[in-house]
Amino acid sequence: MKRILLLFATLLLAAEFAAISIEPYGDSVYDLASGVTTLPQGGVIHDNENDLSIDAAFIEYKEGEYIKAKEAKMDTETVHFAAAQLHYQPNAKEAQLTGGVSLDTEDIKELKAQNAWIFLEDEIVVLSGKVSAAKPNLSAARLVSAYQQGEVLLIAPYKYKDAKLGITLSGKNPQKPLYLQFDQETGEVTASSKVPPQVAKRLLSYLERAKEGQ
C-alpha cells in the first residue's frame, strides 16, 4: 500500500498540469486527504498560465488554491523579487511577501522593503516598511509602482535624490505622496508633488487593497 501511495504521489508531482508544473529538489509529501503537496527541500513551481516561476527552499502547495514558500524567488517577464516568505494565490493572481523583500523592475533596481503585495494581473506592486532603492536613490514608508507603465508613488515620510537636478526631495505628510514618472524610452525620471487625480485614485486604491489583505 505504501508503495502504491508513493508511486501515486510521484506521478502527481511529475505531471505537468495545464496551469502548474513542479520540479522538486528532493523529497516530497502528498497528503491524499487534504490534497496538499509539501516539498521539504524546496523546488521550482512554474505557473504556466500566469507565466511565472517560484524557486524556494521550502514549498507547500495546493493546486488551484495557494502556494506557500520560504526563502523564495519569484520571476515574471517584467519583475523579479525574493522574500523570506511568500503566499501566492494563482486564481486571484496576487502574491503576499513578508519577512524582508527585494525586488527589481525595469525602472527600479535593488528595491527593498519589509513586506510587499504584488497584483500580477494589474502589474502593480505595493511595498511597505523601510522601503529603499539604490537606483534611483529613494526611501519611503510605502511605495506603489505600476511597473509596466513607469509610474510610482512614494508615501511619506520619503526622500528622493533627483539625479538630474542634483537635489534631494523629501516629504513628511502621508497625504501628499511624491509622483515619479519614468520615461519608457530614455529611463529618465520626472518627480512631482502634484499627482494627477486619476493616477492618485488608481494607485492609492492598491494601498487599501494591500491593507485589507493583511
N, C-alpha and C. Protein backbone atom coordinates (compact mmCIF):
# COMPACT_ATOMS: atom_id res chain seq x y z
N MET A 1 0.84 -1.21 0.00
CA MET A 1 0.00 0.00 0.00
C MET A 1 0.87 1.25 0.00
N LYS A 2 1.96 1.22 0.82
CA LYS A 2 2.85 2.38 0.88
C LYS A 2 3.49 2.64 -0.48
N ARG A 3 3.84 1.53 -1.17
CA ARG A 3 4.45 1.70 -2.50
C ARG A 3 3.47 2.33 -3.48
N ILE A 4 2.21 1.92 -3.36
CA ILE A 4 1.19 2.48 -4.26
C ILE A 4 1.01 3.98 -4.01
N LEU A 5 0.97 4.36 -2.72
CA LEU A 5 0.82 5.77 -2.39
C LEU A 5 2.02 6.57 -2.86
N LEU A 6 3.23 6.01 -2.67
CA LEU A 6 4.44 6.70 -3.10
C LEU A 6 4.46 6.89 -4.61
N LEU A 7 4.06 5.84 -5.33
CA LEU A 7 4.00 5.92 -6.78
C LEU A 7 2.98 6.96 -7.22
N PHE A 8 1.84 6.96 -6.56
CA PHE A 8 0.78 7.93 -6.89
C PHE A 8 1.25 9.35 -6.68
N ALA A 9 1.92 9.58 -5.57
CA ALA A 9 2.43 10.92 -5.27
C ALA A 9 3.49 11.33 -6.28
N THR A 10 4.36 10.39 -6.65
CA THR A 10 5.42 10.69 -7.62
C THR A 10 4.83 11.07 -8.96
N LEU A 11 3.80 10.32 -9.38
CA LEU A 11 3.16 10.61 -10.65
C LEU A 11 2.51 11.99 -10.64
N LEU A 12 1.92 12.34 -9.50
CA LEU A 12 1.29 13.66 -9.39
C LEU A 12 2.32 14.77 -9.51
N LEU A 13 3.46 14.59 -8.84
CA LEU A 13 4.50 15.62 -8.86
C LEU A 13 5.16 15.72 -10.22
N ALA A 14 5.31 14.60 -10.90
CA ALA A 14 6.00 14.60 -12.19
C ALA A 14 5.11 15.15 -13.30
N ALA A 15 3.82 15.08 -13.09
CA ALA A 15 2.89 15.51 -14.13
C ALA A 15 2.90 17.02 -14.30
N GLU A 16 2.73 17.44 -15.51
CA GLU A 16 2.61 18.86 -15.79
C GLU A 16 1.15 19.18 -16.01
N PHE A 17 0.58 19.93 -15.06
CA PHE A 17 -0.82 20.29 -15.18
C PHE A 17 -0.97 21.40 -16.20
N ALA A 18 -2.20 21.67 -16.60
CA ALA A 18 -2.47 22.73 -17.56
C ALA A 18 -1.93 24.07 -17.06
N ALA A 19 -2.03 24.29 -15.75
CA ALA A 19 -1.61 25.58 -15.21
C ALA A 19 -0.28 25.52 -14.46
N ILE A 20 -0.02 24.41 -13.76
CA ILE A 20 1.11 24.33 -12.85
C ILE A 20 1.99 23.11 -13.15
N SER A 21 3.32 23.30 -13.09
CA SER A 21 4.24 22.17 -13.15
C SER A 21 5.23 22.31 -12.01
N ILE A 22 5.69 21.16 -11.47
CA ILE A 22 6.51 21.16 -10.27
C ILE A 22 7.81 20.40 -10.51
N GLU A 23 8.92 20.95 -10.02
CA GLU A 23 10.22 20.29 -10.07
C GLU A 23 10.79 20.25 -8.65
N PRO A 24 10.56 19.17 -7.90
CA PRO A 24 11.07 19.11 -6.53
C PRO A 24 12.58 18.92 -6.50
N TYR A 25 13.26 19.50 -5.50
CA TYR A 25 14.69 19.32 -5.34
C TYR A 25 15.04 18.04 -4.59
N GLY A 26 14.08 17.54 -3.81
CA GLY A 26 14.35 16.35 -3.02
C GLY A 26 13.08 15.61 -2.72
N ASP A 27 12.89 15.26 -1.45
CA ASP A 27 11.69 14.53 -1.03
C ASP A 27 10.44 15.37 -1.24
N SER A 28 9.33 14.65 -1.35
CA SER A 28 8.03 15.31 -1.47
C SER A 28 6.99 14.49 -0.72
N VAL A 29 6.01 15.20 -0.19
CA VAL A 29 4.94 14.55 0.57
C VAL A 29 3.61 15.01 0.02
N TYR A 30 2.78 14.05 -0.38
CA TYR A 30 1.45 14.39 -0.88
C TYR A 30 0.40 13.82 0.06
N ASP A 31 -0.44 14.68 0.59
CA ASP A 31 -1.49 14.27 1.52
C ASP A 31 -2.77 14.03 0.73
N LEU A 32 -3.18 12.76 0.67
CA LEU A 32 -4.36 12.40 -0.11
C LEU A 32 -5.63 13.03 0.44
N ALA A 33 -5.70 13.18 1.75
CA ALA A 33 -6.92 13.71 2.37
C ALA A 33 -7.10 15.19 2.08
N SER A 34 -6.02 15.96 2.20
CA SER A 34 -6.12 17.42 2.04
C SER A 34 -5.77 17.90 0.64
N GLY A 35 -5.04 17.08 -0.12
CA GLY A 35 -4.61 17.50 -1.44
C GLY A 35 -3.42 18.43 -1.42
N VAL A 36 -2.74 18.51 -0.27
CA VAL A 36 -1.59 19.42 -0.12
C VAL A 36 -0.30 18.67 -0.42
N THR A 37 0.54 19.29 -1.24
CA THR A 37 1.86 18.77 -1.54
C THR A 37 2.90 19.60 -0.80
N THR A 38 3.84 18.94 -0.12
CA THR A 38 4.91 19.63 0.59
C THR A 38 6.25 19.18 0.03
N LEU A 39 7.11 20.15 -0.25
CA LEU A 39 8.46 19.88 -0.71
C LEU A 39 9.43 20.38 0.37
N PRO A 40 9.85 19.53 1.30
CA PRO A 40 10.68 19.98 2.43
C PRO A 40 12.03 20.54 2.00
N GLN A 41 12.58 20.00 0.90
CA GLN A 41 13.86 20.52 0.39
C GLN A 41 13.67 21.58 -0.69
N GLY A 42 12.43 21.95 -0.90
CA GLY A 42 12.16 23.00 -1.87
C GLY A 42 12.07 22.49 -3.30
N GLY A 43 12.03 23.43 -4.21
CA GLY A 43 11.93 23.09 -5.62
C GLY A 43 11.51 24.31 -6.43
N VAL A 44 11.07 24.05 -7.64
CA VAL A 44 10.62 25.12 -8.54
C VAL A 44 9.20 24.81 -8.99
N ILE A 45 8.34 25.81 -8.88
CA ILE A 45 6.97 25.69 -9.39
C ILE A 45 6.80 26.69 -10.53
N HIS A 46 6.32 26.18 -11.65
CA HIS A 46 6.04 27.03 -12.81
C HIS A 46 4.53 27.21 -12.93
N ASP A 47 4.10 28.46 -12.89
CA ASP A 47 2.70 28.79 -13.16
C ASP A 47 2.64 29.17 -14.63
N ASN A 48 2.32 28.19 -15.46
CA ASN A 48 2.36 28.40 -16.91
C ASN A 48 1.28 29.36 -17.39
N GLU A 49 0.16 29.38 -16.69
CA GLU A 49 -0.94 30.25 -17.09
C GLU A 49 -0.58 31.72 -16.91
N ASN A 50 0.12 32.02 -15.77
CA ASN A 50 0.49 33.41 -15.49
C ASN A 50 1.94 33.72 -15.85
N ASP A 51 2.63 32.75 -16.46
CA ASP A 51 3.99 32.94 -16.95
C ASP A 51 4.94 33.41 -15.86
N LEU A 52 5.01 32.65 -14.78
CA LEU A 52 5.94 32.96 -13.70
C LEU A 52 6.46 31.68 -13.07
N SER A 53 7.58 31.81 -12.35
CA SER A 53 8.15 30.66 -11.66
C SER A 53 8.54 31.06 -10.25
N ILE A 54 8.46 30.08 -9.33
CA ILE A 54 8.83 30.28 -7.94
C ILE A 54 9.88 29.23 -7.57
N ASP A 55 11.03 29.70 -7.15
CA ASP A 55 12.13 28.83 -6.72
C ASP A 55 12.32 29.07 -5.23
N ALA A 56 12.16 28.01 -4.41
CA ALA A 56 12.16 28.22 -2.96
C ALA A 56 12.81 27.05 -2.22
N ALA A 57 13.25 27.34 -0.98
CA ALA A 57 13.87 26.32 -0.14
C ALA A 57 12.85 25.40 0.50
N PHE A 58 11.60 25.85 0.60
CA PHE A 58 10.51 25.04 1.15
C PHE A 58 9.22 25.47 0.45
N ILE A 59 8.42 24.50 0.06
CA ILE A 59 7.18 24.81 -0.65
C ILE A 59 6.04 23.95 -0.12
N GLU A 60 4.91 24.60 0.10
CA GLU A 60 3.65 23.91 0.38
C GLU A 60 2.66 24.37 -0.67
N TYR A 61 1.97 23.44 -1.28
CA TYR A 61 1.18 23.79 -2.46
C TYR A 61 -0.11 22.99 -2.51
N LYS A 62 -1.20 23.67 -2.86
CA LYS A 62 -2.46 23.00 -3.13
C LYS A 62 -2.99 23.52 -4.45
N GLU A 63 -3.13 22.62 -5.39
CA GLU A 63 -3.49 23.01 -6.75
C GLU A 63 -4.77 23.84 -6.79
N GLY A 64 -4.68 24.97 -7.49
CA GLY A 64 -5.84 25.83 -7.68
C GLY A 64 -6.17 26.72 -6.51
N GLU A 65 -5.42 26.58 -5.39
CA GLU A 65 -5.74 27.38 -4.21
C GLU A 65 -4.58 28.27 -3.77
N TYR A 66 -3.43 27.69 -3.48
CA TYR A 66 -2.34 28.54 -2.98
C TYR A 66 -0.99 27.86 -3.15
N ILE A 67 0.05 28.68 -3.07
CA ILE A 67 1.43 28.23 -2.98
C ILE A 67 2.07 29.02 -1.86
N LYS A 68 2.59 28.32 -0.85
CA LYS A 68 3.34 28.96 0.23
C LYS A 68 4.80 28.55 0.10
N ALA A 69 5.70 29.50 0.28
CA ALA A 69 7.12 29.20 0.10
C ALA A 69 7.97 30.00 1.07
N LYS A 70 9.13 29.43 1.40
CA LYS A 70 10.10 30.11 2.26
C LYS A 70 11.41 30.27 1.50
N GLU A 71 12.09 31.39 1.78
CA GLU A 71 13.33 31.72 1.07
C GLU A 71 13.08 31.59 -0.43
N ALA A 72 12.11 32.37 -0.89
CA ALA A 72 11.59 32.21 -2.25
C ALA A 72 12.07 33.30 -3.20
N LYS A 73 12.25 32.90 -4.44
CA LYS A 73 12.49 33.82 -5.54
C LYS A 73 11.37 33.62 -6.55
N MET A 74 10.85 34.73 -7.03
CA MET A 74 9.73 34.67 -7.98
C MET A 74 10.06 35.54 -9.18
N ASP A 75 9.89 34.99 -10.37
CA ASP A 75 10.24 35.71 -11.59
C ASP A 75 9.08 35.71 -12.56
N THR A 76 8.82 36.90 -13.11
CA THR A 76 7.92 37.03 -14.24
C THR A 76 8.72 37.67 -15.36
N GLU A 77 8.06 37.96 -16.45
CA GLU A 77 8.76 38.54 -17.59
C GLU A 77 9.28 39.95 -17.28
N THR A 78 8.60 40.66 -16.38
CA THR A 78 8.95 42.07 -16.16
C THR A 78 9.39 42.41 -14.74
N VAL A 79 9.22 41.49 -13.79
CA VAL A 79 9.58 41.80 -12.42
C VAL A 79 10.21 40.56 -11.77
N HIS A 80 11.21 40.81 -10.91
CA HIS A 80 11.93 39.74 -10.24
C HIS A 80 12.04 40.10 -8.76
N PHE A 81 11.69 39.17 -7.87
CA PHE A 81 11.78 39.50 -6.46
C PHE A 81 12.08 38.27 -5.61
N ALA A 82 12.53 38.55 -4.40
CA ALA A 82 12.84 37.49 -3.43
C ALA A 82 12.25 37.88 -2.10
N ALA A 83 11.88 36.87 -1.28
CA ALA A 83 11.27 37.15 0.02
C ALA A 83 11.52 35.99 0.96
N ALA A 84 11.53 36.30 2.26
CA ALA A 84 11.69 35.26 3.26
C ALA A 84 10.48 34.32 3.23
N GLN A 85 9.30 34.89 3.05
CA GLN A 85 8.08 34.09 2.96
C GLN A 85 7.17 34.63 1.87
N LEU A 86 6.52 33.72 1.19
CA LEU A 86 5.65 34.09 0.07
C LEU A 86 4.35 33.29 0.16
N HIS A 87 3.24 33.98 -0.09
CA HIS A 87 1.93 33.33 -0.18
C HIS A 87 1.31 33.79 -1.49
N TYR A 88 1.23 32.86 -2.43
CA TYR A 88 0.76 33.18 -3.77
C TYR A 88 -0.57 32.50 -4.04
N GLN A 89 -1.52 33.28 -4.56
CA GLN A 89 -2.84 32.77 -4.92
C GLN A 89 -2.98 32.82 -6.45
N PRO A 90 -2.78 31.71 -7.13
CA PRO A 90 -2.80 31.71 -8.60
C PRO A 90 -4.10 32.21 -9.21
N ASN A 91 -5.24 31.81 -8.62
CA ASN A 91 -6.52 32.22 -9.19
C ASN A 91 -6.75 33.72 -9.07
N ALA A 92 -6.36 34.29 -7.93
CA ALA A 92 -6.50 35.73 -7.73
C ALA A 92 -5.38 36.51 -8.38
N LYS A 93 -4.30 35.80 -8.74
CA LYS A 93 -3.11 36.42 -9.34
C LYS A 93 -2.54 37.49 -8.43
N GLU A 94 -2.42 37.12 -7.14
CA GLU A 94 -1.87 38.01 -6.13
C GLU A 94 -0.84 37.26 -5.30
N ALA A 95 0.18 37.97 -4.87
CA ALA A 95 1.21 37.37 -4.02
C ALA A 95 1.52 38.31 -2.86
N GLN A 96 1.57 37.74 -1.66
CA GLN A 96 1.97 38.50 -0.48
C GLN A 96 3.35 38.03 -0.06
N LEU A 97 4.25 38.99 0.16
CA LEU A 97 5.62 38.69 0.54
C LEU A 97 5.90 39.33 1.89
N THR A 98 6.53 38.58 2.79
CA THR A 98 6.80 39.08 4.13
C THR A 98 8.20 38.66 4.60
N GLY A 99 8.64 39.30 5.69
CA GLY A 99 9.89 38.92 6.32
C GLY A 99 11.14 39.46 5.65
N GLY A 100 10.97 40.47 4.80
CA GLY A 100 12.10 41.03 4.06
C GLY A 100 11.97 40.72 2.59
N VAL A 101 11.92 41.76 1.77
CA VAL A 101 11.65 41.62 0.34
C VAL A 101 12.67 42.41 -0.46
N SER A 102 13.14 41.84 -1.55
CA SER A 102 13.96 42.59 -2.52
C SER A 102 13.34 42.39 -3.89
N LEU A 103 13.42 43.44 -4.71
CA LEU A 103 12.68 43.43 -5.97
C LEU A 103 13.39 44.28 -7.01
N ASP A 104 13.32 43.84 -8.25
CA ASP A 104 13.85 44.60 -9.38
C ASP A 104 12.79 44.70 -10.46
N THR A 105 12.60 45.91 -10.98
CA THR A 105 11.77 46.10 -12.16
C THR A 105 12.66 46.74 -13.23
N GLU A 106 12.08 47.03 -14.37
CA GLU A 106 12.86 47.67 -15.42
C GLU A 106 13.29 49.07 -15.02
N ASP A 107 12.51 49.72 -14.15
CA ASP A 107 12.79 51.10 -13.77
C ASP A 107 13.56 51.23 -12.46
N ILE A 108 13.28 50.36 -11.49
CA ILE A 108 13.86 50.49 -10.15
C ILE A 108 14.71 49.26 -9.83
N LYS A 109 15.92 49.51 -9.36
CA LYS A 109 16.84 48.43 -9.03
C LYS A 109 17.13 48.41 -7.53
N GLU A 110 17.32 47.17 -7.04
CA GLU A 110 17.65 46.95 -5.63
C GLU A 110 16.62 47.61 -4.70
N LEU A 111 15.37 47.39 -5.03
CA LEU A 111 14.27 47.90 -4.22
C LEU A 111 14.05 46.92 -3.06
N LYS A 112 14.05 47.45 -1.84
CA LYS A 112 13.93 46.60 -0.65
C LYS A 112 12.84 47.13 0.27
N ALA A 113 12.22 46.21 1.01
CA ALA A 113 11.17 46.57 1.98
C ALA A 113 10.96 45.39 2.92
N GLN A 114 10.17 45.63 3.95
CA GLN A 114 9.85 44.54 4.87
C GLN A 114 8.76 43.63 4.31
N ASN A 115 7.77 44.24 3.63
CA ASN A 115 6.64 43.48 3.11
C ASN A 115 6.22 44.00 1.75
N ALA A 116 5.49 43.17 1.01
CA ALA A 116 5.01 43.60 -0.30
C ALA A 116 3.78 42.80 -0.72
N TRP A 117 2.97 43.43 -1.55
CA TRP A 117 1.87 42.76 -2.26
C TRP A 117 2.11 42.98 -3.75
N ILE A 118 1.94 41.93 -4.52
CA ILE A 118 2.05 42.07 -5.97
C ILE A 118 0.74 41.63 -6.60
N PHE A 119 0.15 42.56 -7.37
CA PHE A 119 -1.09 42.29 -8.09
C PHE A 119 -0.70 42.04 -9.54
N LEU A 120 -0.50 40.76 -9.87
CA LEU A 120 0.11 40.40 -11.15
C LEU A 120 -0.73 40.77 -12.36
N GLU A 121 -2.03 40.59 -12.26
CA GLU A 121 -2.89 40.88 -13.40
C GLU A 121 -2.86 42.37 -13.75
N ASP A 122 -2.78 43.22 -12.72
CA ASP A 122 -2.77 44.67 -12.94
C ASP A 122 -1.35 45.23 -13.04
N GLU A 123 -0.34 44.37 -12.78
CA GLU A 123 1.07 44.76 -12.83
C GLU A 123 1.34 45.93 -11.89
N ILE A 124 0.92 45.72 -10.63
CA ILE A 124 1.10 46.71 -9.57
C ILE A 124 1.79 46.04 -8.39
N VAL A 125 2.74 46.74 -7.79
CA VAL A 125 3.37 46.25 -6.57
C VAL A 125 3.26 47.31 -5.48
N VAL A 126 2.95 46.88 -4.26
CA VAL A 126 2.87 47.76 -3.10
C VAL A 126 3.89 47.27 -2.08
N LEU A 127 4.78 48.16 -1.66
CA LEU A 127 5.79 47.80 -0.67
C LEU A 127 5.60 48.65 0.58
N SER A 128 5.92 48.06 1.74
CA SER A 128 5.78 48.80 2.99
C SER A 128 6.88 48.39 3.97
N GLY A 129 7.22 49.35 4.84
CA GLY A 129 8.21 49.08 5.88
C GLY A 129 9.64 49.26 5.41
N LYS A 130 10.23 50.40 5.75
CA LYS A 130 11.63 50.68 5.43
C LYS A 130 11.93 50.47 3.94
N VAL A 131 11.13 51.09 3.10
CA VAL A 131 11.30 50.97 1.66
C VAL A 131 12.52 51.78 1.22
N SER A 132 13.35 51.17 0.39
CA SER A 132 14.52 51.88 -0.15
C SER A 132 14.90 51.28 -1.49
N ALA A 133 15.63 52.06 -2.28
CA ALA A 133 16.11 51.58 -3.58
C ALA A 133 17.45 52.24 -3.87
N ALA A 134 18.28 51.53 -4.63
CA ALA A 134 19.60 52.06 -4.98
C ALA A 134 19.53 52.92 -6.24
N LYS A 135 18.69 52.52 -7.19
CA LYS A 135 18.60 53.26 -8.46
C LYS A 135 17.15 53.28 -8.92
N PRO A 136 16.51 54.46 -8.86
CA PRO A 136 17.01 55.72 -8.30
C PRO A 136 17.11 55.66 -6.78
N ASN A 137 17.88 56.56 -6.23
CA ASN A 137 18.12 56.59 -4.78
C ASN A 137 16.88 57.15 -4.09
N LEU A 138 16.21 56.30 -3.30
CA LEU A 138 14.98 56.75 -2.64
C LEU A 138 14.73 55.94 -1.38
N SER A 139 13.89 56.50 -0.53
CA SER A 139 13.39 55.80 0.66
C SER A 139 11.98 56.31 0.93
N ALA A 140 11.16 55.47 1.56
CA ALA A 140 9.77 55.86 1.83
C ALA A 140 9.16 54.91 2.85
N ALA A 141 8.06 55.36 3.44
CA ALA A 141 7.31 54.48 4.35
C ALA A 141 6.62 53.39 3.54
N ARG A 142 6.05 53.79 2.38
CA ARG A 142 5.40 52.85 1.48
C ARG A 142 5.62 53.31 0.04
N LEU A 143 5.45 52.39 -0.87
CA LEU A 143 5.64 52.70 -2.28
C LEU A 143 4.64 51.90 -3.10
N VAL A 144 4.08 52.55 -4.11
CA VAL A 144 3.18 51.88 -5.06
C VAL A 144 3.78 52.06 -6.45
N SER A 145 3.94 50.96 -7.18
CA SER A 145 4.54 51.03 -8.50
C SER A 145 3.66 50.33 -9.53
N ALA A 146 3.30 51.07 -10.59
CA ALA A 146 2.71 50.46 -11.77
C ALA A 146 3.88 50.20 -12.70
N TYR A 147 4.54 49.06 -12.53
CA TYR A 147 5.86 48.87 -13.12
C TYR A 147 5.88 48.76 -14.63
N GLN A 148 4.77 48.43 -15.25
CA GLN A 148 4.74 48.40 -16.71
C GLN A 148 4.50 49.78 -17.30
N GLN A 149 3.87 50.65 -16.54
CA GLN A 149 3.56 51.99 -17.02
C GLN A 149 4.58 53.03 -16.56
N GLY A 150 5.53 52.61 -15.72
CA GLY A 150 6.56 53.54 -15.28
C GLY A 150 6.06 54.61 -14.34
N GLU A 151 5.09 54.26 -13.47
CA GLU A 151 4.53 55.22 -12.52
C GLU A 151 4.76 54.73 -11.09
N VAL A 152 5.19 55.65 -10.22
CA VAL A 152 5.49 55.30 -8.83
C VAL A 152 4.98 56.40 -7.92
N LEU A 153 4.40 55.99 -6.79
CA LEU A 153 4.06 56.93 -5.73
C LEU A 153 4.89 56.60 -4.50
N LEU A 154 5.56 57.60 -3.93
CA LEU A 154 6.27 57.46 -2.67
C LEU A 154 5.41 58.05 -1.57
N ILE A 155 5.11 57.25 -0.56
CA ILE A 155 4.28 57.70 0.55
C ILE A 155 5.18 58.14 1.70
N ALA A 156 4.94 59.35 2.20
CA ALA A 156 5.78 59.95 3.24
C ALA A 156 5.68 59.19 4.55
N PRO A 157 6.78 59.32 5.33
CA PRO A 157 7.96 60.12 5.05
C PRO A 157 8.82 59.50 3.94
N TYR A 158 9.25 60.35 3.02
CA TYR A 158 10.06 59.87 1.89
C TYR A 158 11.23 60.81 1.63
N LYS A 159 12.22 60.26 0.93
CA LYS A 159 13.33 61.04 0.39
C LYS A 159 13.63 60.50 -1.00
N TYR A 160 13.87 61.42 -1.92
CA TYR A 160 14.18 61.03 -3.29
C TYR A 160 15.30 61.92 -3.82
N LYS A 161 16.37 61.30 -4.26
CA LYS A 161 17.50 62.05 -4.80
C LYS A 161 17.34 62.19 -6.30
N ASP A 162 17.09 63.41 -6.73
CA ASP A 162 16.89 63.69 -8.15
C ASP A 162 18.26 63.83 -8.81
N ALA A 163 18.66 62.82 -9.56
CA ALA A 163 19.98 62.82 -10.17
C ALA A 163 20.12 63.92 -11.22
N LYS A 164 19.04 64.23 -11.91
CA LYS A 164 19.09 65.24 -12.97
C LYS A 164 19.27 66.64 -12.40
N LEU A 165 18.54 66.93 -11.31
CA LEU A 165 18.62 68.26 -10.71
C LEU A 165 19.71 68.35 -9.63
N GLY A 166 20.17 67.21 -9.15
CA GLY A 166 21.19 67.21 -8.12
C GLY A 166 20.67 67.65 -6.76
N ILE A 167 19.39 67.40 -6.49
CA ILE A 167 18.81 67.80 -5.21
C ILE A 167 18.07 66.60 -4.60
N THR A 168 17.80 66.69 -3.31
CA THR A 168 17.03 65.66 -2.63
C THR A 168 15.68 66.21 -2.24
N LEU A 169 14.63 65.55 -2.69
CA LEU A 169 13.26 65.93 -2.36
C LEU A 169 12.80 65.09 -1.17
N SER A 170 12.10 65.72 -0.24
CA SER A 170 11.63 64.98 0.93
C SER A 170 10.23 65.45 1.31
N GLY A 171 9.52 64.60 2.02
CA GLY A 171 8.18 64.93 2.47
C GLY A 171 7.85 64.17 3.73
N LYS A 172 7.00 64.76 4.57
CA LYS A 172 6.62 64.13 5.83
C LYS A 172 5.13 63.87 5.97
N ASN A 173 4.34 64.42 5.05
CA ASN A 173 2.89 64.27 5.12
C ASN A 173 2.43 63.07 4.29
N PRO A 174 1.92 62.00 4.93
CA PRO A 174 1.48 60.82 4.18
C PRO A 174 0.36 61.10 3.19
N GLN A 175 -0.34 62.21 3.37
CA GLN A 175 -1.43 62.56 2.46
C GLN A 175 -0.94 63.22 1.18
N LYS A 176 0.36 63.51 1.13
CA LYS A 176 0.93 64.17 -0.05
C LYS A 176 2.10 63.36 -0.61
N PRO A 177 1.80 62.34 -1.42
CA PRO A 177 2.86 61.49 -1.97
C PRO A 177 3.67 62.20 -3.05
N LEU A 178 4.83 61.66 -3.33
CA LEU A 178 5.65 62.13 -4.44
C LEU A 178 5.41 61.22 -5.64
N TYR A 179 5.20 61.84 -6.79
CA TYR A 179 4.88 61.11 -8.02
C TYR A 179 6.13 61.04 -8.90
N LEU A 180 6.55 59.82 -9.23
CA LEU A 180 7.68 59.59 -10.12
C LEU A 180 7.16 58.99 -11.42
N GLN A 181 7.60 59.57 -12.52
CA GLN A 181 7.21 59.04 -13.82
C GLN A 181 8.48 58.74 -14.62
N PHE A 182 8.59 57.48 -15.06
CA PHE A 182 9.76 57.03 -15.80
C PHE A 182 9.48 57.05 -17.29
N ASP A 183 10.39 57.67 -18.04
CA ASP A 183 10.28 57.66 -19.50
C ASP A 183 10.62 56.25 -19.99
N GLN A 184 9.71 55.63 -20.70
CA GLN A 184 9.88 54.24 -21.12
C GLN A 184 11.00 54.05 -22.13
N GLU A 185 11.42 55.12 -22.81
CA GLU A 185 12.47 55.01 -23.81
C GLU A 185 13.84 55.41 -23.25
N THR A 186 13.90 56.51 -22.52
CA THR A 186 15.18 57.00 -22.03
C THR A 186 15.49 56.57 -20.60
N GLY A 187 14.46 56.22 -19.83
CA GLY A 187 14.66 55.86 -18.44
C GLY A 187 14.75 57.05 -17.51
N GLU A 188 14.66 58.27 -18.05
CA GLU A 188 14.73 59.47 -17.21
C GLU A 188 13.50 59.57 -16.31
N VAL A 189 13.72 60.14 -15.13
CA VAL A 189 12.65 60.21 -14.13
C VAL A 189 12.21 61.66 -13.93
N THR A 190 10.91 61.87 -13.93
CA THR A 190 10.34 63.17 -13.59
C THR A 190 9.62 63.05 -12.26
N ALA A 191 10.00 63.90 -11.31
CA ALA A 191 9.40 63.87 -9.97
C ALA A 191 8.51 65.08 -9.76
N SER A 192 7.35 64.86 -9.13
CA SER A 192 6.43 65.96 -8.88
C SER A 192 5.61 65.68 -7.63
N SER A 193 5.36 66.74 -6.88
CA SER A 193 4.47 66.61 -5.71
C SER A 193 3.01 66.74 -6.13
N LYS A 194 2.77 67.07 -7.39
CA LYS A 194 1.41 67.17 -7.91
C LYS A 194 1.07 65.89 -8.66
N VAL A 195 0.25 65.08 -8.05
CA VAL A 195 -0.13 63.79 -8.63
C VAL A 195 -1.41 63.97 -9.44
N PRO A 196 -1.42 63.56 -10.72
CA PRO A 196 -2.67 63.63 -11.49
C PRO A 196 -3.78 62.89 -10.75
N PRO A 197 -4.96 63.49 -10.63
CA PRO A 197 -6.05 62.88 -9.85
C PRO A 197 -6.37 61.45 -10.23
N GLN A 198 -6.37 61.16 -11.55
CA GLN A 198 -6.71 59.81 -11.98
C GLN A 198 -5.64 58.81 -11.57
N VAL A 199 -4.38 59.26 -11.55
CA VAL A 199 -3.28 58.40 -11.13
C VAL A 199 -3.37 58.13 -9.63
N ALA A 200 -3.61 59.20 -8.86
CA ALA A 200 -3.73 59.07 -7.41
C ALA A 200 -4.86 58.11 -7.04
N LYS A 201 -6.01 58.26 -7.68
CA LYS A 201 -7.15 57.40 -7.38
C LYS A 201 -6.84 55.94 -7.70
N ARG A 202 -6.20 55.72 -8.83
CA ARG A 202 -5.92 54.35 -9.26
C ARG A 202 -4.86 53.68 -8.38
N LEU A 203 -3.74 54.35 -8.17
CA LEU A 203 -2.64 53.73 -7.43
C LEU A 203 -2.91 53.64 -5.92
N LEU A 204 -3.52 54.67 -5.36
CA LEU A 204 -3.79 54.64 -3.92
C LEU A 204 -4.80 53.57 -3.55
N SER A 205 -5.63 53.16 -4.49
CA SER A 205 -6.60 52.10 -4.21
C SER A 205 -5.89 50.79 -3.88
N TYR A 206 -4.69 50.61 -4.43
CA TYR A 206 -3.94 49.38 -4.15
C TYR A 206 -3.35 49.39 -2.75
N LEU A 207 -3.10 50.56 -2.20
CA LEU A 207 -2.68 50.63 -0.80
C LEU A 207 -3.78 50.08 0.10
N GLU A 208 -5.01 50.43 -0.21
CA GLU A 208 -6.14 49.94 0.58
C GLU A 208 -6.32 48.44 0.41
N ARG A 209 -6.14 47.95 -0.80
CA ARG A 209 -6.27 46.51 -1.06
C ARG A 209 -5.19 45.74 -0.31
N ALA A 210 -3.99 46.31 -0.26
CA ALA A 210 -2.90 45.65 0.47
C ALA A 210 -3.19 45.62 1.97
N LYS A 211 -3.77 46.71 2.49
CA LYS A 211 -4.13 46.76 3.92
C LYS A 211 -5.19 45.71 4.23
N GLU A 212 -6.20 45.59 3.34
CA GLU A 212 -7.28 44.65 3.57
C GLU A 212 -6.80 43.22 3.55
N GLY A 213 -5.73 42.97 2.79
CA GLY A 213 -5.23 41.60 2.67
C GLY A 213 -4.32 41.19 3.80
N GLN A 214 -3.94 42.11 4.68
CA GLN A 214 -3.02 41.79 5.76
C GLN A 214 -3.70 40.97 6.85
